[in-house]
Amino acid sequence: MAKLSSINKNERRKQLVKKYAGKYAKLKAQAADTSLDETERLIARLKMAELPRNANPTRVRNRCEITGRPRAYYRKFRLARVMLRDLANRGMIPGVVKSSW
């Protein structure tokens, strides 16, 4: 089980990303638009830098829904490998069966 503080910190980051998503996307599009003047693009980049650091979507870490483990994460199931295996062996995940060959 991951530290509760790490899980809560990641949740706060998710909320900040959601809050600033529209503004962040607009500024990023302006900064990448080559048809705009160079000074306008620079101003857009400076405004992006003024946003909170945790408003950047890349700061959010994928974590297991059950344990909060950050590594060995399967996006399709939103679980870490340990919990995925445990739940699959118990038959709790539909369509997943143990195989051997």
PDB file of N, CA and C in Angstrom:
ATOM      1  N   MET A   1       0.838  -1.176   0.000  1.00  0.00           N
ATOM      2  CA  MET A   1       0.000   0.000   0.000  1.00  0.00           C
ATOM      3  C   MET A   1       0.882   1.239   0.000  1.00  0.00           C
ATOM      4  N   ALA A   2       0.595   2.150  -0.906  1.00  0.00           N
ATOM      5  CA  ALA A   2       1.353   3.392  -0.990  1.00  0.00           C
ATOM      6  C   ALA A   2       1.009   4.300   0.185  1.00  0.00           C
ATOM      7  N   LYS A   3       1.911   5.241   0.465  1.00  0.00           N
ATOM      8  CA  LYS A   3       1.637   6.196   1.528  1.00  0.00           C
ATOM      9  C   LYS A   3       0.397   7.005   1.184  1.00  0.00           C
ATOM     10  N   LEU A   4      -0.436   7.231   2.144  1.00  0.00           N
ATOM     11  CA  LEU A   4      -1.675   7.967   1.940  1.00  0.00           C
ATOM     12  C   LEU A   4      -1.395   9.392   1.477  1.00  0.00           C
ATOM     13  N   SER A   5      -0.294   9.972   1.952  1.00  0.00           N
ATOM     14  CA  SER A   5       0.041  11.341   1.546  1.00  0.00           C
ATOM     15  C   SER A   5       0.361  11.408   0.056  1.00  0.00           C
ATOM     16  N   SER A   6       1.012  10.375  -0.483  1.00  0.00           N
ATOM     17  CA  SER A   6       1.330  10.340  -1.909  1.00  0.00           C
ATOM     18  C   SER A   6       0.065  10.217  -2.748  1.00  0.00           C
ATOM     19  N   ILE A   7      -0.863   9.402  -2.281  1.00  0.00           N
ATOM     20  CA  ILE A   7      -2.128   9.220  -2.995  1.00  0.00           C
ATOM     21  C   ILE A   7      -2.924  10.517  -2.978  1.00  0.00           C
ATOM     22  N   ASN A   8      -2.986  11.176  -1.817  1.00  0.00           N
ATOM     23  CA  ASN A   8      -3.726  12.430  -1.703  1.00  0.00           C
ATOM     24  C   ASN A   8      -3.084  13.538  -2.532  1.00  0.00           C
ATOM     25  N   LYS A   9      -1.757  13.579  -2.567  1.00  0.00           N
ATOM     26  CA  LYS A   9      -1.052  14.583  -3.365  1.00  0.00           C
ATOM     27  C   LYS A   9      -1.396  14.410  -4.844  1.00  0.00           C
ATOM     28  N   ASN A  10      -1.453  13.168  -5.293  1.00  0.00           N
ATOM     29  CA  ASN A  10      -1.791  12.896  -6.684  1.00  0.00           C
ATOM     30  C   ASN A  10      -3.235  13.298  -6.984  1.00  0.00           C
ATOM     31  N   GLU A  11      -4.137  13.095  -6.029  1.00  0.00           N
ATOM     32  CA  GLU A  11      -5.534  13.499  -6.213  1.00  0.00           C
ATOM     33  C   GLU A  11      -5.656  15.018  -6.328  1.00  0.00           C
ATOM     34  N   ARG A  12      -4.884  15.745  -5.513  1.00  0.00           N
ATOM     35  CA  ARG A  12      -4.892  17.205  -5.612  1.00  0.00           C
ATOM     36  C   ARG A  12      -4.378  17.659  -6.968  1.00  0.00           C
ATOM     37  N   ARG A  13      -3.363  16.959  -7.484  1.00  0.00           N
ATOM     38  CA  ARG A  13      -2.839  17.288  -8.809  1.00  0.00           C
ATOM     39  C   ARG A  13      -3.900  17.072  -9.879  1.00  0.00           C
ATOM     40  N   LYS A  14      -4.649  15.969  -9.767  1.00  0.00           N
ATOM     41  CA  LYS A  14      -5.718  15.700 -10.733  1.00  0.00           C
ATOM     42  C   LYS A  14      -6.750  16.816 -10.739  1.00  0.00           C
ATOM     43  N   GLN A  15      -7.105  17.308  -9.551  1.00  0.00           N
ATOM     44  CA  GLN A  15      -8.085  18.381  -9.456  1.00  0.00           C
ATOM     45  C   GLN A  15      -7.553  19.671 -10.076  1.00  0.00           C
ATOM     46  N   LEU A  16      -6.266  19.980  -9.853  1.00  0.00           N
ATOM     47  CA  LEU A  16      -5.682  21.184 -10.442  1.00  0.00           C
ATOM     48  C   LEU A  16      -5.627  21.091 -11.958  1.00  0.00           C
ATOM     49  N   VAL A  17      -5.276  19.912 -12.459  1.00  0.00           N
ATOM     50  CA  VAL A  17      -5.225  19.716 -13.917  1.00  0.00           C
ATOM     51  C   VAL A  17      -6.610  19.935 -14.506  1.00  0.00           C
ATOM     52  N   LYS A  18      -7.628  19.394 -13.838  1.00  0.00           N
ATOM     53  CA  LYS A  18      -9.004  19.550 -14.317  1.00  0.00           C
ATOM     54  C   LYS A  18      -9.421  21.018 -14.292  1.00  0.00           C
ATOM     55  N   LYS A  19      -9.028  21.734 -13.239  1.00  0.00           N
ATOM     56  CA  LYS A  19      -9.405  23.141 -13.078  1.00  0.00           C
ATOM     57  C   LYS A  19      -8.797  24.019 -14.173  1.00  0.00           C
ATOM     58  N   TYR A  20      -7.526  23.789 -14.509  1.00  0.00           N
ATOM     59  CA  TYR A  20      -6.813  24.631 -15.454  1.00  0.00           C
ATOM     60  C   TYR A  20      -6.732  24.034 -16.860  1.00  0.00           C
ATOM     61  N   ALA A  21      -7.453  22.966 -17.144  1.00  0.00           N
ATOM     62  CA  ALA A  21      -7.325  22.274 -18.428  1.00  0.00           C
ATOM     63  C   ALA A  21      -7.632  23.183 -19.612  1.00  0.00           C
ATOM     64  N   GLY A  22      -8.725  23.930 -19.546  1.00  0.00           N
ATOM     65  CA  GLY A  22      -9.095  24.802 -20.663  1.00  0.00           C
ATOM     66  C   GLY A  22      -8.078  25.892 -20.904  1.00  0.00           C
ATOM     67  N   LYS A  23      -7.659  26.563 -19.848  1.00  0.00           N
ATOM     68  CA  LYS A  23      -6.692  27.653 -19.962  1.00  0.00           C
ATOM     69  C   LYS A  23      -5.348  27.124 -20.458  1.00  0.00           C
ATOM     70  N   TYR A  24      -4.931  25.975 -19.923  1.00  0.00           N
ATOM     71  CA  TYR A  24      -3.659  25.370 -20.307  1.00  0.00           C
ATOM     72  C   TYR A  24      -3.662  25.003 -21.795  1.00  0.00           C
ATOM     73  N   ALA A  25      -4.758  24.394 -22.260  1.00  0.00           N
ATOM     74  CA  ALA A  25      -4.846  23.986 -23.668  1.00  0.00           C
ATOM     75  C   ALA A  25      -4.831  25.203 -24.595  1.00  0.00           C
ATOM     76  N   LYS A  26      -5.529  26.263 -24.194  1.00  0.00           N
ATOM     77  CA  LYS A  26      -5.578  27.480 -25.012  1.00  0.00           C
ATOM     78  C   LYS A  26      -4.197  28.120 -25.127  1.00  0.00           C
ATOM     79  N   LEU A  27      -3.503  28.234 -24.013  1.00  0.00           N
ATOM     80  CA  LEU A  27      -2.165  28.832 -24.029  1.00  0.00           C
ATOM     81  C   LEU A  27      -1.169  27.959 -24.794  1.00  0.00           C
ATOM     82  N   LYS A  28      -1.297  26.660 -24.650  1.00  0.00           N
ATOM     83  CA  LYS A  28      -0.390  25.756 -25.355  1.00  0.00           C
ATOM     84  C   LYS A  28      -0.597  25.844 -26.868  1.00  0.00           C
ATOM     85  N   ALA A  29      -1.867  25.966 -27.284  1.00  0.00           N
ATOM     86  CA  ALA A  29      -2.158  26.109 -28.712  1.00  0.00           C
ATOM     87  C   ALA A  29      -1.595  27.419 -29.242  1.00  0.00           C
ATOM     88  N   GLN A  30      -1.701  28.498 -28.467  1.00  0.00           N
ATOM     89  CA  GLN A  30      -1.147  29.784 -28.893  1.00  0.00           C
ATOM     90  C   GLN A  30       0.374  29.714 -28.998  1.00  0.00           C
ATOM     91  N   ALA A  31       1.023  29.056 -28.044  1.00  0.00           N
ATOM     92  CA  ALA A  31       2.477  28.961 -28.045  1.00  0.00           C
ATOM     93  C   ALA A  31       2.988  28.122 -29.210  1.00  0.00           C
ATOM     94  N   ALA A  32       2.189  27.178 -29.679  1.00  0.00           N
ATOM     95  CA  ALA A  32       2.611  26.296 -30.770  1.00  0.00           C
ATOM     96  C   ALA A  32       2.193  26.815 -32.143  1.00  0.00           C
ATOM     97  N   ASP A  33       1.349  27.822 -32.193  1.00  0.00           N
ATOM     98  CA  ASP A  33       0.820  28.357 -33.456  1.00  0.00           C
ATOM     99  C   ASP A  33       1.895  29.180 -34.167  1.00  0.00           C
ATOM    100  N   THR A  34       2.398  28.667 -35.288  1.00  0.00           N
ATOM    101  CA  THR A  34       3.477  29.354 -36.006  1.00  0.00           C
ATOM    102  C   THR A  34       2.982  30.560 -36.796  1.00  0.00           C
ATOM    103  N   SER A  35       1.672  30.675 -36.996  1.00  0.00           N
ATOM    104  CA  SER A  35       1.151  31.821 -37.736  1.00  0.00           C
ATOM    105  C   SER A  35       1.127  33.099 -36.893  1.00  0.00           C
ATOM    106  N   LEU A  36       1.226  32.947 -35.568  1.00  0.00           N
ATOM    107  CA  LEU A  36       1.249  34.113 -34.684  1.00  0.00           C
ATOM    108  C   LEU A  36       2.634  34.746 -34.652  1.00  0.00           C
ATOM    109  N   ASP A  37       2.662  36.004 -34.213  1.00  0.00           N
ATOM    110  CA  ASP A  37       3.917  36.726 -34.062  1.00  0.00           C
ATOM    111  C   ASP A  37       4.742  36.085 -32.942  1.00  0.00           C
ATOM    112  N   GLU A  38       6.039  36.213 -33.043  1.00  0.00           N
ATOM    113  CA  GLU A  38       6.940  35.595 -32.066  1.00  0.00           C
ATOM    114  C   GLU A  38       6.717  36.154 -30.650  1.00  0.00           C
ATOM    115  N   THR A  39       6.400  37.426 -30.539  1.00  0.00           N
ATOM    116  CA  THR A  39       6.175  38.014 -29.206  1.00  0.00           C
ATOM    117  C   THR A  39       4.888  37.480 -28.570  1.00  0.00           C
ATOM    118  N   GLU A  40       3.847  37.267 -29.383  1.00  0.00           N
ATOM    119  CA  GLU A  40       2.604  36.713 -28.863  1.00  0.00           C
ATOM    120  C   GLU A  40       2.815  35.287 -28.352  1.00  0.00           C
ATOM    121  N   ARG A  41       3.609  34.537 -29.073  1.00  0.00           N
ATOM    122  CA  ARG A  41       3.913  33.173 -28.654  1.00  0.00           C
ATOM    123  C   ARG A  41       4.715  33.173 -27.359  1.00  0.00           C
ATOM    124  N   LEU A  42       5.645  34.116 -27.246  1.00  0.00           N
ATOM    125  CA  LEU A  42       6.446  34.232 -26.027  1.00  0.00           C
ATOM    126  C   LEU A  42       5.563  34.603 -24.836  1.00  0.00           C
ATOM    127  N   ILE A  43       4.633  35.516 -25.052  1.00  0.00           N
ATOM    128  CA  ILE A  43       3.714  35.915 -23.982  1.00  0.00           C
ATOM    129  C   ILE A  43       2.873  34.721 -23.527  1.00  0.00           C
ATOM    130  N   ALA A  44       2.428  33.910 -24.480  1.00  0.00           N
ATOM    131  CA  ALA A  44       1.645  32.718 -24.136  1.00  0.00           C
ATOM    132  C   ALA A  44       2.476  31.761 -23.289  1.00  0.00           C
ATOM    133  N   ARG A  45       3.757  31.592 -23.642  1.00  0.00           N
ATOM    134  CA  ARG A  45       4.635  30.712 -22.868  1.00  0.00           C
ATOM    135  C   ARG A  45       4.860  31.261 -21.456  1.00  0.00           C
ATOM    136  N   LEU A  46       4.995  32.573 -21.344  1.00  0.00           N
ATOM    137  CA  LEU A  46       5.185  33.177 -20.026  1.00  0.00           C
ATOM    138  C   LEU A  46       3.934  33.020 -19.160  1.00  0.00           C
ATOM    139  N   LYS A  47       2.758  33.129 -19.782  1.00  0.00           N
ATOM    140  CA  LYS A  47       1.517  32.934 -19.035  1.00  0.00           C
ATOM    141  C   LYS A  47       1.381  31.478 -18.588  1.00  0.00           C
ATOM    142  N   MET A  48       1.853  30.546 -19.427  1.00  0.00           N
ATOM    143  CA  MET A  48       1.836  29.134 -19.039  1.00  0.00           C
ATOM    144  C   MET A  48       2.734  28.906 -17.831  1.00  0.00           C
ATOM    145  N   ALA A  49       3.854  29.622 -17.792  1.00  0.00           N
ATOM    146  CA  ALA A  49       4.795  29.474 -16.681  1.00  0.00           C
ATOM    147  C   ALA A  49       4.207  30.025 -15.381  1.00  0.00           C
ATOM    148  N   GLU A  50       3.266  30.961 -15.482  1.00  0.00           N
ATOM    149  CA  GLU A  50       2.637  31.533 -14.290  1.00  0.00           C
ATOM    150  C   GLU A  50       1.593  30.598 -13.667  1.00  0.00           C
ATOM    151  N   LEU A  51       1.096  29.643 -14.447  1.00  0.00           N
ATOM    152  CA  LEU A  51       0.126  28.685 -13.911  1.00  0.00           C
ATOM    153  C   LEU A  51       0.814  27.830 -12.856  1.00  0.00           C
ATOM    154  N   PRO A  52       0.047  27.259 -11.941  1.00  0.00           N
ATOM    155  CA  PRO A  52       0.666  26.373 -10.936  1.00  0.00           C
ATOM    156  C   PRO A  52       1.381  25.204 -11.607  1.00  0.00           C
ATOM    157  N   ARG A  53       2.482  24.808 -11.042  1.00  0.00           N
ATOM    158  CA  ARG A  53       3.278  23.723 -11.623  1.00  0.00           C
ATOM    159  C   ARG A  53       2.481  22.432 -11.720  1.00  0.00           C
ATOM    160  N   ASN A  54       1.646  22.163 -10.722  1.00  0.00           N
ATOM    161  CA  ASN A  54       0.866  20.929 -10.718  1.00  0.00           C
ATOM    162  C   ASN A  54      -0.341  20.989 -11.646  1.00  0.00           C
ATOM    163  N   ALA A  55      -0.532  22.102 -12.360  1.00  0.00           N
ATOM    164  CA  ALA A  55      -1.611  22.187 -13.338  1.00  0.00           C
ATOM    165  C   ALA A  55      -1.217  21.518 -14.653  1.00  0.00           C
ATOM    166  N   ASN A  56       0.042  21.145 -14.770  1.00  0.00           N
ATOM    167  CA  ASN A  56       0.524  20.468 -15.969  1.00  0.00           C
ATOM    168  C   ASN A  56       0.090  18.996 -15.925  1.00  0.00           C
ATOM    169  N   PRO A  57      -0.568  18.505 -16.979  1.00  0.00           N
ATOM    170  CA  PRO A  57      -1.064  17.114 -16.966  1.00  0.00           C
ATOM    171  C   PRO A  57       0.024  16.052 -16.801  1.00  0.00           C
ATOM    172  N   THR A  58       1.259  16.360 -17.170  1.00  0.00           N
ATOM    173  CA  THR A  58       2.315  15.356 -17.055  1.00  0.00           C
ATOM    174  C   THR A  58       2.728  15.114 -15.611  1.00  0.00           C
ATOM    175  N   ARG A  59       2.291  15.952 -14.682  1.00  0.00           N
ATOM    176  CA  ARG A  59       2.646  15.784 -13.272  1.00  0.00           C
ATOM    177  C   ARG A  59       1.773  14.734 -12.578  1.00  0.00           C
ATOM    178  N   VAL A  60       0.669  14.339 -13.217  1.00  0.00           N
ATOM    179  CA  VAL A  60      -0.223  13.340 -12.621  1.00  0.00           C
ATOM    180  C   VAL A  60       0.375  11.953 -12.846  1.00  0.00           C
ATOM    181  N   ARG A  61       0.394  11.173 -11.798  1.00  0.00           N
ATOM    182  CA  ARG A  61       0.970   9.829 -11.851  1.00  0.00           C
ATOM    183  C   ARG A  61      -0.156   8.799 -11.889  1.00  0.00           C
ATOM    184  N   ASN A  62      -0.058   7.817 -12.775  1.00  0.00           N
ATOM    185  CA  ASN A  62      -1.035   6.728 -12.796  1.00  0.00           C
ATOM    186  C   ASN A  62      -0.792   5.828 -11.591  1.00  0.00           C
ATOM    187  N   ARG A  63      -1.849   5.588 -10.819  1.00  0.00           N
ATOM    188  CA  ARG A  63      -1.723   4.764  -9.624  1.00  0.00           C
ATOM    189  C   ARG A  63      -2.826   3.718  -9.594  1.00  0.00           C
ATOM    190  N   CYS A  64      -2.553   2.599  -8.957  1.00  0.00           N
ATOM    191  CA  CYS A  64      -3.523   1.526  -8.777  1.00  0.00           C
ATOM    192  C   CYS A  64      -4.717   2.044  -7.986  1.00  0.00           C
ATOM    193  N   GLU A  65      -5.921   1.681  -8.428  1.00  0.00           N
ATOM    194  CA  GLU A  65      -7.139   2.139  -7.757  1.00  0.00           C
ATOM    195  C   GLU A  65      -7.277   1.568  -6.349  1.00  0.00           C
ATOM    196  N   ILE A  66      -6.733   0.393  -6.117  1.00  0.00           N
ATOM    197  CA  ILE A  66      -6.907  -0.272  -4.828  1.00  0.00           C
ATOM    198  C   ILE A  66      -5.765   0.057  -3.863  1.00  0.00           C
ATOM    199  N   THR A  67      -4.532  -0.152  -4.310  1.00  0.00           N
ATOM    200  CA  THR A  67      -3.392   0.000  -3.414  1.00  0.00           C
ATOM    201  C   THR A  67      -2.682   1.334  -3.532  1.00  0.00           C
ATOM    202  N   GLY A  68      -2.809   2.001  -4.670  1.00  0.00           N
ATOM    203  CA  GLY A  68      -2.098   3.258  -4.880  1.00  0.00           C
ATOM    204  C   GLY A  68      -0.686   3.057  -5.399  1.00  0.00           C
ATOM    205  N   ARG A  69      -0.341   1.827  -5.734  1.00  0.00           N
ATOM    206  CA  ARG A  69       1.009   1.536  -6.232  1.00  0.00           C
ATOM    207  C   ARG A  69       1.246   2.258  -7.558  1.00  0.00           C
ATOM    208  N   PRO A  70       2.379   2.992  -7.690  1.00  0.00           N
ATOM    209  CA  PRO A  70       2.613   3.770  -8.901  1.00  0.00           C
ATOM    210  C   PRO A  70       3.297   3.001 -10.032  1.00  0.00           C
ATOM    211  N   ARG A  71       3.910   1.882  -9.718  1.00  0.00           N
ATOM    212  CA  ARG A  71       4.650   1.152 -10.754  1.00  0.00           C
ATOM    213  C   ARG A  71       3.886  -0.088 -11.187  1.00  0.00           C
ATOM    214  N   ALA A  72       4.267  -0.624 -12.349  1.00  0.00           N
ATOM    215  CA  ALA A  72       3.644  -1.826 -12.908  1.00  0.00           C
ATOM    216  C   ALA A  72       2.135  -1.631 -13.021  1.00  0.00           C
ATOM    217  N   TYR A  73       1.746  -0.513 -13.620  1.00  0.00           N
ATOM    218  CA  TYR A  73       0.339  -0.109 -13.724  1.00  0.00           C
ATOM    219  C   TYR A  73      -0.202  -0.489 -15.094  1.00  0.00           C
ATOM    220  N   TYR A  74      -1.347  -1.167 -15.124  1.00  0.00           N
ATOM    221  CA  TYR A  74      -2.015  -1.522 -16.371  1.00  0.00           C
ATOM    222  C   TYR A  74      -3.153  -0.533 -16.598  1.00  0.00           C
ATOM    223  N   ARG A  75      -3.037   0.269 -17.656  1.00  0.00           N
ATOM    224  CA  ARG A  75      -4.045   1.297 -17.917  1.00  0.00           C
ATOM    225  C   ARG A  75      -5.423   0.719 -18.187  1.00  0.00           C
ATOM    226  N   LYS A  76      -5.462  -0.385 -18.892  1.00  0.00           N
ATOM    227  CA  LYS A  76      -6.744  -0.973 -19.267  1.00  0.00           C
ATOM    228  C   LYS A  76      -7.579  -1.323 -18.038  1.00  0.00           C
ATOM    229  N   PHE A  77      -6.927  -1.802 -16.988  1.00  0.00           N
ATOM    230  CA  PHE A  77      -7.635  -2.229 -15.786  1.00  0.00           C
ATOM    231  C   PHE A  77      -7.543  -1.204 -14.654  1.00  0.00           C
ATOM    232  N   ARG A  78      -6.658  -0.222 -14.796  1.00  0.00           N
ATOM    233  CA  ARG A  78      -6.388   0.782 -13.763  1.00  0.00           C
ATOM    234  C   ARG A  78      -5.942   0.132 -12.463  1.00  0.00           C
ATOM    235  N   LEU A  79      -5.156  -0.956 -12.597  1.00  0.00           N
ATOM    236  CA  LEU A  79      -4.649  -1.704 -11.452  1.00  0.00           C
ATOM    237  C   LEU A  79      -3.161  -1.971 -11.620  1.00  0.00           C
ATOM    238  N   ALA A  80      -2.483  -2.184 -10.502  1.00  0.00           N
ATOM    239  CA  ALA A  80      -1.095  -2.621 -10.535  1.00  0.00           C
ATOM    240  C   ALA A  80      -1.068  -4.123 -10.799  1.00  0.00           C
ATOM    241  N   ARG A  81       0.067  -4.633 -11.229  1.00  0.00           N
ATOM    242  CA  ARG A  81       0.176  -6.044 -11.618  1.00  0.00           C
ATOM    243  C   ARG A  81      -0.166  -6.981 -10.462  1.00  0.00           C
ATOM    244  N   VAL A  82       0.196  -6.600  -9.246  1.00  0.00           N
ATOM    245  CA  VAL A  82      -0.045  -7.459  -8.092  1.00  0.00           C
ATOM    246  C   VAL A  82      -1.548  -7.646  -7.867  1.00  0.00           C
ATOM    247  N   MET A  83      -2.288  -6.538  -7.872  1.00  0.00           N
ATOM    248  CA  MET A  83      -3.726  -6.610  -7.658  1.00  0.00           C
ATOM    249  C   MET A  83      -4.432  -7.231  -8.862  1.00  0.00           C
ATOM    250  N   LEU A  84      -3.925  -6.967 -10.059  1.00  0.00           N
ATOM    251  CA  LEU A  84      -4.514  -7.565 -11.254  1.00  0.00           C
ATOM    252  C   LEU A  84      -4.439  -9.087 -11.173  1.00  0.00           C
ATOM    253  N   ARG A  85      -3.286  -9.577 -10.787  1.00  0.00           N
ATOM    254  CA  ARG A  85      -3.115 -11.033 -10.684  1.00  0.00           C
ATOM    255  C   ARG A  85      -4.002 -11.616  -9.587  1.00  0.00           C
ATOM    256  N   ASP A  86      -4.055 -10.937  -8.454  1.00  0.00           N
ATOM    257  CA  ASP A  86      -4.851 -11.412  -7.329  1.00  0.00           C
ATOM    258  C   ASP A  86      -6.336 -11.469  -7.690  1.00  0.00           C
ATOM    259  N   LEU A  87      -6.852 -10.405  -8.282  1.00  0.00           N
ATOM    260  CA  LEU A  87      -8.269 -10.366  -8.648  1.00  0.00           C
ATOM    261  C   LEU A  87      -8.583 -11.333  -9.783  1.00  0.00           C
ATOM    262  N   ALA A  88      -7.650 -11.494 -10.723  1.00  0.00           N
ATOM    263  CA  ALA A  88      -7.874 -12.421 -11.831  1.00  0.00           C
ATOM    264  C   ALA A  88      -7.920 -13.862 -11.330  1.00  0.00           C
ATOM    265  N   ASN A  89      -7.062 -14.202 -10.387  1.00  0.00           N
ATOM    266  CA  ASN A  89      -7.054 -15.563  -9.834  1.00  0.00           C
ATOM    267  C   ASN A  89      -8.334 -15.867  -9.061  1.00  0.00           C
ATOM    268  N   ARG A  90      -8.912 -14.830  -8.473  1.00  0.00           N
ATOM    269  CA  ARG A  90     -10.177 -15.016  -7.752  1.00  0.00           C
ATOM    270  C   ARG A  90     -11.378 -14.989  -8.684  1.00  0.00           C
ATOM    271  N   GLY A  91     -11.164 -14.639  -9.953  1.00  0.00           N
ATOM    272  CA  GLY A  91     -12.258 -14.578 -10.921  1.00  0.00           C
ATOM    273  C   GLY A  91     -13.083 -13.310 -10.805  1.00  0.00           C
ATOM    274  N   MET A  92     -12.506 -12.245 -10.289  1.00  0.00           N
ATOM    275  CA  MET A  92     -13.228 -10.992 -10.069  1.00  0.00           C
ATOM    276  C   MET A  92     -13.201 -10.071 -11.295  1.00  0.00           C
ATOM    277  N   ILE A  93     -12.332 -10.372 -12.265  1.00  0.00           N
ATOM    278  CA  ILE A  93     -12.239  -9.538 -13.467  1.00  0.00           C
ATOM    279  C   ILE A  93     -12.844 -10.311 -14.629  1.00  0.00           C
ATOM    280  N   PRO A  94     -13.947  -9.825 -15.198  1.00  0.00           N
ATOM    281  CA  PRO A  94     -14.606 -10.550 -16.283  1.00  0.00           C
ATOM    282  C   PRO A  94     -13.705 -10.671 -17.516  1.00  0.00           C
ATOM    283  N   GLY A  95     -13.683 -11.856 -18.084  1.00  0.00           N
ATOM    284  CA  GLY A  95     -12.940 -12.078 -19.319  1.00  0.00           C
ATOM    285  C   GLY A  95     -11.480 -12.404 -19.133  1.00  0.00           C
ATOM    286  N   VAL A  96     -10.979 -12.374 -17.913  1.00  0.00           N
ATOM    287  CA  VAL A  96      -9.573 -12.676 -17.662  1.00  0.00           C
ATOM    288  C   VAL A  96      -9.504 -14.045 -17.007  1.00  0.00           C
ATOM    289  N   VAL A  97      -8.783 -14.952 -17.661  1.00  0.00           N
ATOM    290  CA  VAL A  97      -8.616 -16.299 -17.126  1.00  0.00           C
ATOM    291  C   VAL A  97      -7.132 -16.649 -17.098  1.00  0.00           C
ATOM    292  N   LYS A  98      -6.761 -17.526 -16.203  1.00  0.00           N
ATOM    293  CA  LYS A  98      -5.389 -17.976 -16.111  1.00  0.00           C
ATOM    294  C   LYS A  98      -5.118 -18.905 -17.286  1.00  0.00           C
ATOM    295  N   SER A  99      -3.951 -18.715 -17.883  1.00  0.00           N
ATOM    296  CA  SER A  99      -3.625 -19.578 -19.028  1.00  0.00           C
ATOM    297  C   SER A  99      -2.262 -20.203 -18.811  1.00  0.00           C
ATOM    298  N   SER A 100      -2.059 -21.353 -19.418  1.00  0.00           N
ATOM    299  CA  SER A 100      -0.742 -21.998 -19.415  1.00  0.00           C
ATOM    300  C   SER A 100      -0.579 -22.700 -20.752  1.00  0.00           C
ATOM    301  N   TRP A 101       0.633 -22.754 -21.241  1.00  0.00           N
ATOM    302  CA  TRP A 101       0.890 -23.401 -22.521  1.00  0.00           C
ATOM    303  C   TRP A 101       2.206 -24.116 -22.515  1.00  0.00           C
TER     304      TRP A 101
END
